[in-house]
Amino acid sequence: MFEKSYRTAIKTASWRVVATTDTFLISWFITGKLTLAGAIAGIEVFTKLFLYYAHERVWNRVAFGKVAMAKTSYVAKH
């Protein structure tokens, strides 16, 4: 089983929305300033986009915990 790079890219983007929203809310809660929270979240979104993508691609090459699916044909009986 090998994950295509476009799947990793889509997973990366969807995760960034969730994670950056979390970072923004935590930053706003701690600082009480929307502009500072936005700046923190804005920087974080770019750095962690690349880190997550690279992390996923490396783990995709690791066989640990993966199980190959048997190639069998399934014929439905009517």
N, C-alpha and C. Protein backbone atom coordinates (compact mmCIF):
# COMPACT_ATOMS: atom_id res chain seq x y z
N MET A 1 0.85 -1.17 0.00
CA MET A 1 0.00 0.00 0.00
C MET A 1 0.89 1.23 0.00
N PHE A 2 0.65 2.07 -0.96
CA PHE A 2 1.44 3.28 -1.09
C PHE A 2 0.50 4.44 -1.34
N GLU A 3 0.66 5.49 -0.59
CA GLU A 3 -0.21 6.65 -0.71
C GLU A 3 0.31 7.58 -1.79
N LYS A 4 -0.56 7.98 -2.68
CA LYS A 4 -0.19 8.92 -3.74
C LYS A 4 0.11 10.28 -3.11
N SER A 5 0.99 11.05 -3.75
CA SER A 5 1.38 12.34 -3.19
C SER A 5 0.23 13.33 -3.14
N TYR A 6 -0.72 13.26 -4.09
CA TYR A 6 -1.84 14.19 -4.05
C TYR A 6 -2.75 13.92 -2.87
N ARG A 7 -2.86 12.65 -2.44
CA ARG A 7 -3.65 12.32 -1.25
C ARG A 7 -2.99 12.96 -0.01
N THR A 8 -1.67 12.86 0.06
CA THR A 8 -0.94 13.47 1.16
C THR A 8 -1.14 14.98 1.15
N ALA A 9 -1.13 15.60 -0.01
CA ALA A 9 -1.32 17.05 -0.11
C ALA A 9 -2.72 17.45 0.36
N ILE A 10 -3.74 16.70 0.02
CA ILE A 10 -5.11 17.00 0.46
C ILE A 10 -5.24 16.81 1.96
N LYS A 11 -4.66 15.74 2.48
CA LYS A 11 -4.68 15.52 3.93
C LYS A 11 -3.94 16.66 4.65
N THR A 12 -2.83 17.10 4.07
CA THR A 12 -2.06 18.19 4.64
C THR A 12 -2.90 19.46 4.72
N ALA A 13 -3.58 19.80 3.64
CA ALA A 13 -4.38 21.02 3.61
C ALA A 13 -5.54 20.95 4.60
N SER A 14 -6.23 19.82 4.65
CA SER A 14 -7.38 19.73 5.57
C SER A 14 -6.91 19.77 7.02
N TRP A 15 -5.80 19.14 7.30
CA TRP A 15 -5.28 19.18 8.67
C TRP A 15 -4.84 20.60 9.04
N ARG A 16 -4.26 21.32 8.10
CA ARG A 16 -3.80 22.68 8.39
C ARG A 16 -4.96 23.58 8.79
N VAL A 17 -6.12 23.41 8.17
CA VAL A 17 -7.28 24.22 8.54
C VAL A 17 -7.63 23.98 10.01
N VAL A 18 -7.70 22.72 10.39
CA VAL A 18 -8.03 22.37 11.78
C VAL A 18 -6.95 22.87 12.74
N ALA A 19 -5.71 22.56 12.44
CA ALA A 19 -4.60 22.89 13.34
C ALA A 19 -4.37 24.39 13.46
N THR A 20 -4.49 25.13 12.36
CA THR A 20 -4.27 26.56 12.41
C THR A 20 -5.39 27.26 13.16
N THR A 21 -6.61 26.77 13.00
CA THR A 21 -7.72 27.31 13.78
C THR A 21 -7.46 27.11 15.27
N ASP A 22 -6.98 25.95 15.62
CA ASP A 22 -6.63 25.66 17.00
C ASP A 22 -5.54 26.60 17.51
N THR A 23 -4.49 26.77 16.74
CA THR A 23 -3.39 27.67 17.12
C THR A 23 -3.89 29.10 17.28
N PHE A 24 -4.73 29.55 16.36
CA PHE A 24 -5.28 30.90 16.44
C PHE A 24 -6.09 31.09 17.72
N LEU A 25 -6.97 30.14 18.01
CA LEU A 25 -7.81 30.26 19.20
C LEU A 25 -7.00 30.22 20.49
N ILE A 26 -6.03 29.34 20.56
CA ILE A 26 -5.16 29.27 21.75
C ILE A 26 -4.36 30.57 21.89
N SER A 27 -3.81 31.05 20.78
CA SER A 27 -3.03 32.30 20.82
C SER A 27 -3.89 33.48 21.25
N TRP A 28 -5.10 33.54 20.75
CA TRP A 28 -6.03 34.61 21.12
C TRP A 28 -6.39 34.53 22.59
N PHE A 29 -6.63 33.30 23.06
CA PHE A 29 -6.96 33.10 24.47
C PHE A 29 -5.81 33.55 25.38
N ILE A 30 -4.59 33.20 25.02
CA ILE A 30 -3.43 33.52 25.84
C ILE A 30 -3.08 35.00 25.79
N THR A 31 -3.08 35.58 24.57
CA THR A 31 -2.65 36.97 24.42
C THR A 31 -3.79 37.98 24.56
N GLY A 32 -5.00 37.56 24.23
CA GLY A 32 -6.13 38.47 24.23
C GLY A 32 -6.13 39.44 23.06
N LYS A 33 -5.24 39.21 22.10
CA LYS A 33 -5.11 40.12 20.96
C LYS A 33 -5.32 39.36 19.65
N LEU A 34 -6.33 39.80 18.90
CA LEU A 34 -6.62 39.15 17.61
C LEU A 34 -5.48 39.29 16.62
N THR A 35 -4.85 40.45 16.57
CA THR A 35 -3.78 40.66 15.59
C THR A 35 -2.57 39.78 15.89
N LEU A 36 -2.21 39.67 17.15
CA LEU A 36 -1.09 38.81 17.52
C LEU A 36 -1.42 37.35 17.27
N ALA A 37 -2.63 36.95 17.61
CA ALA A 37 -3.07 35.56 17.35
C ALA A 37 -3.04 35.27 15.86
N GLY A 38 -3.48 36.23 15.06
CA GLY A 38 -3.45 36.06 13.61
C GLY A 38 -2.04 35.95 13.06
N ALA A 39 -1.13 36.74 13.62
CA ALA A 39 0.27 36.68 13.18
C ALA A 39 0.89 35.33 13.52
N ILE A 40 0.63 34.85 14.72
CA ILE A 40 1.16 33.54 15.13
C ILE A 40 0.60 32.44 14.24
N ALA A 41 -0.71 32.44 14.03
CA ALA A 41 -1.35 31.42 13.19
C ALA A 41 -0.88 31.54 11.75
N GLY A 42 -0.65 32.77 11.28
CA GLY A 42 -0.19 32.98 9.90
C GLY A 42 1.19 32.41 9.64
N ILE A 43 2.08 32.57 10.58
CA ILE A 43 3.43 32.01 10.44
C ILE A 43 3.38 30.49 10.56
N GLU A 44 2.63 30.02 11.52
CA GLU A 44 2.54 28.59 11.81
C GLU A 44 1.96 27.80 10.65
N VAL A 45 1.00 28.38 9.94
CA VAL A 45 0.36 27.64 8.85
C VAL A 45 1.37 27.25 7.77
N PHE A 46 2.30 28.13 7.46
CA PHE A 46 3.28 27.83 6.40
C PHE A 46 4.36 26.86 6.87
N THR A 47 4.89 27.07 8.05
CA THR A 47 5.97 26.18 8.51
C THR A 47 5.46 24.76 8.70
N LYS A 48 4.30 24.63 9.29
CA LYS A 48 3.79 23.29 9.58
C LYS A 48 3.18 22.60 8.37
N LEU A 49 2.81 23.36 7.34
CA LEU A 49 2.37 22.74 6.09
C LEU A 49 3.48 21.87 5.53
N PHE A 50 4.65 22.43 5.44
CA PHE A 50 5.78 21.71 4.87
C PHE A 50 6.24 20.58 5.79
N LEU A 51 6.26 20.82 7.09
CA LEU A 51 6.67 19.78 8.03
C LEU A 51 5.71 18.59 8.01
N TYR A 52 4.41 18.85 7.99
CA TYR A 52 3.43 17.76 7.97
C TYR A 52 3.53 16.95 6.68
N TYR A 53 3.63 17.63 5.55
CA TYR A 53 3.74 16.94 4.27
C TYR A 53 4.96 16.02 4.25
N ALA A 54 6.09 16.53 4.67
CA ALA A 54 7.32 15.73 4.71
C ALA A 54 7.16 14.56 5.68
N HIS A 55 6.57 14.80 6.83
CA HIS A 55 6.34 13.76 7.83
C HIS A 55 5.48 12.64 7.26
N GLU A 56 4.39 12.99 6.58
CA GLU A 56 3.51 11.99 5.98
C GLU A 56 4.22 11.18 4.90
N ARG A 57 5.02 11.84 4.07
CA ARG A 57 5.72 11.14 2.98
C ARG A 57 6.75 10.16 3.55
N VAL A 58 7.44 10.55 4.60
CA VAL A 58 8.40 9.64 5.23
C VAL A 58 7.67 8.44 5.81
N TRP A 59 6.60 8.67 6.56
CA TRP A 59 5.85 7.57 7.17
C TRP A 59 5.21 6.67 6.12
N ASN A 60 4.90 7.20 4.96
CA ASN A 60 4.33 6.38 3.90
C ASN A 60 5.33 5.32 3.41
N ARG A 61 6.60 5.60 3.57
CA ARG A 61 7.64 4.67 3.13
C ARG A 61 8.00 3.63 4.21
N VAL A 62 7.52 3.83 5.41
CA VAL A 62 7.81 2.92 6.51
C VAL A 62 6.79 1.79 6.51
N ALA A 63 7.27 0.57 6.53
CA ALA A 63 6.38 -0.59 6.47
C ALA A 63 5.74 -0.92 7.81
N PHE A 64 6.27 -0.39 8.88
CA PHE A 64 5.77 -0.67 10.22
C PHE A 64 4.26 -0.44 10.32
N GLY A 65 3.53 -1.47 10.73
CA GLY A 65 2.09 -1.35 10.96
C GLY A 65 1.23 -1.45 9.72
N LYS A 66 1.83 -1.68 8.56
CA LYS A 66 1.05 -1.82 7.33
C LYS A 66 0.83 -3.29 7.03
N VAL A 67 -0.32 -3.59 6.49
CA VAL A 67 -0.65 -4.95 6.09
C VAL A 67 -1.06 -4.91 4.63
N ALA A 68 -0.43 -5.73 3.83
CA ALA A 68 -0.77 -5.79 2.42
C ALA A 68 -2.10 -6.51 2.25
N MET A 69 -2.92 -5.99 1.37
CA MET A 69 -4.20 -6.64 1.09
C MET A 69 -3.97 -7.72 0.04
N ALA A 70 -4.59 -8.87 0.26
CA ALA A 70 -4.47 -9.97 -0.69
C ALA A 70 -5.20 -9.61 -1.97
N LYS A 71 -4.61 -9.97 -3.09
CA LYS A 71 -5.25 -9.71 -4.37
C LYS A 71 -6.12 -10.91 -4.72
N THR A 72 -7.38 -10.76 -4.43
CA THR A 72 -8.33 -11.82 -4.75
C THR A 72 -9.49 -11.22 -5.50
N SER A 73 -10.10 -12.03 -6.30
CA SER A 73 -11.28 -11.52 -7.01
C SER A 73 -12.52 -12.00 -6.26
N TYR A 74 -13.47 -11.14 -6.15
CA TYR A 74 -14.70 -11.45 -5.46
C TYR A 74 -15.81 -11.54 -6.48
N VAL A 75 -16.44 -12.67 -6.52
CA VAL A 75 -17.55 -12.87 -7.44
C VAL A 75 -18.80 -13.05 -6.60
N ALA A 76 -19.74 -12.14 -6.79
CA ALA A 76 -20.99 -12.22 -6.03
C ALA A 76 -21.85 -13.33 -6.61
N LYS A 77 -22.39 -14.14 -5.71
CA LYS A 77 -23.28 -15.21 -6.14
C LYS A 77 -24.71 -14.74 -6.03
N HIS A 78 -25.46 -14.94 -7.07
CA HIS A 78 -26.88 -14.52 -7.07
C HIS A 78 -27.77 -15.70 -6.91
